[in-house]
Protein backbone atom coordinates (compact mmCIF):
# COMPACT_ATOMS: atom_id res chain seq x y z
CA PRO A 1 -3.67 -6.22 -16.28
CA SER A 2 -1.14 -5.89 -13.50
CA THR A 3 2.55 -5.39 -14.04
CA GLN A 4 5.11 -3.85 -11.71
CA ARG A 5 5.44 -0.76 -13.90
CA LYS A 6 1.68 -0.27 -14.30
CA ASP A 7 1.06 -0.72 -10.57
CA ARG A 8 3.83 1.65 -9.46
CA PHE A 9 3.27 4.37 -12.04
CA THR A 10 0.15 4.29 -14.19
CA LYS A 11 -2.37 2.89 -11.70
CA ARG A 12 -0.86 4.65 -8.68
CA ARG A 13 -1.00 8.05 -10.38
CA LEU A 14 -4.59 7.43 -11.45
CA TYR A 15 -5.58 6.51 -7.89
CA GLN A 16 -3.81 9.60 -6.52
CA ASN A 17 -5.45 11.89 -9.08
CA GLU A 18 -8.86 10.42 -8.20
CA GLY A 19 -8.24 11.05 -4.49
CA VAL A 20 -8.10 7.42 -3.34
CA PRO A 21 -7.04 7.94 0.29
CA LEU A 22 -4.61 5.02 0.57
CA VAL A 23 -2.87 2.76 -1.92
CA TRP A 24 -0.70 -0.19 -0.91
CA ILE A 25 1.72 -1.57 -3.48
CA ILE A 26 2.94 -4.92 -2.22
CA ASP A 27 6.39 -6.09 -3.29
CA ALA A 28 6.59 -9.76 -2.33
CA ASP A 29 10.17 -10.12 -3.60
CA ALA A 30 11.46 -7.19 -1.52
CA ARG A 31 9.07 -8.08 1.33
CA HIS A 32 7.82 -4.55 1.81
CA VAL A 33 4.76 -2.45 1.05
CA GLU A 34 4.74 1.03 -0.48
CA VAL A 35 2.08 3.20 1.13
CA TRP A 36 0.81 6.04 -1.07
CA THR A 37 -1.58 8.87 -0.24
CA PRO A 38 -3.05 11.38 -2.72
CA ASP A 39 -0.51 14.13 -1.94
CA ALA A 40 2.60 11.93 -1.66
CA ASP A 41 5.51 12.45 -4.03
CA LEU A 42 7.26 9.42 -2.54
CA PRO A 43 5.84 6.41 -0.75
CA ARG A 44 6.25 5.51 2.88
CA VAL A 45 7.85 2.06 2.83
CA GLU A 46 6.67 -0.36 5.48
CA ARG A 47 8.76 -3.42 6.32
CA ALA A 48 7.27 -4.52 9.64
CA ARG A 49 3.50 -3.93 9.63
CA LEU A 50 0.63 -2.17 7.92
CA HIS A 51 -1.79 0.08 9.74
CA TRP A 52 -5.11 1.38 8.42
CA THR A 53 -7.94 3.25 10.09
CA PRO A 54 -10.75 3.93 7.60
CA ASN A 55 -12.81 7.08 8.12
CA GLY A 56 -15.54 6.36 10.63
CA ALA A 57 -14.01 3.09 11.84
CA ARG A 58 -14.10 2.34 15.55
CA CYS A 59 -10.84 0.40 15.42
CA SER A 60 -7.75 0.08 13.27
CA PHE A 61 -6.57 -2.75 11.08
CA TRP A 62 -3.03 -3.98 11.76
CA LEU A 63 -1.25 -6.56 9.63
CA PRO A 64 2.24 -7.81 10.52
CA LEU A 65 4.12 -8.21 7.24
CA ASP A 66 5.71 -11.48 8.33
CA VAL A 67 2.14 -12.86 8.27
CA LEU A 68 1.50 -11.41 4.81
CA PHE A 69 4.76 -12.81 3.42
CA ALA A 70 4.59 -16.20 5.17
CA PRO A 71 4.97 -19.21 2.89
CA VAL A 72 1.70 -20.66 1.70
């Protein structure tokens, strides 16, 4: 099950220990995304857009956060 504490601590540490290359923790209330990598002690906090280029990809994925947080 997902809770803020489990996502930010328990799950994130597990993903880092397993070498997951990129973890995004989305905070809809704060309207930002924490970006974690396996060696990070602190997240990079994105407030404008997300960027991801998977290994072997020919192009990058860009997501403006105003699109992500737009009302449904």
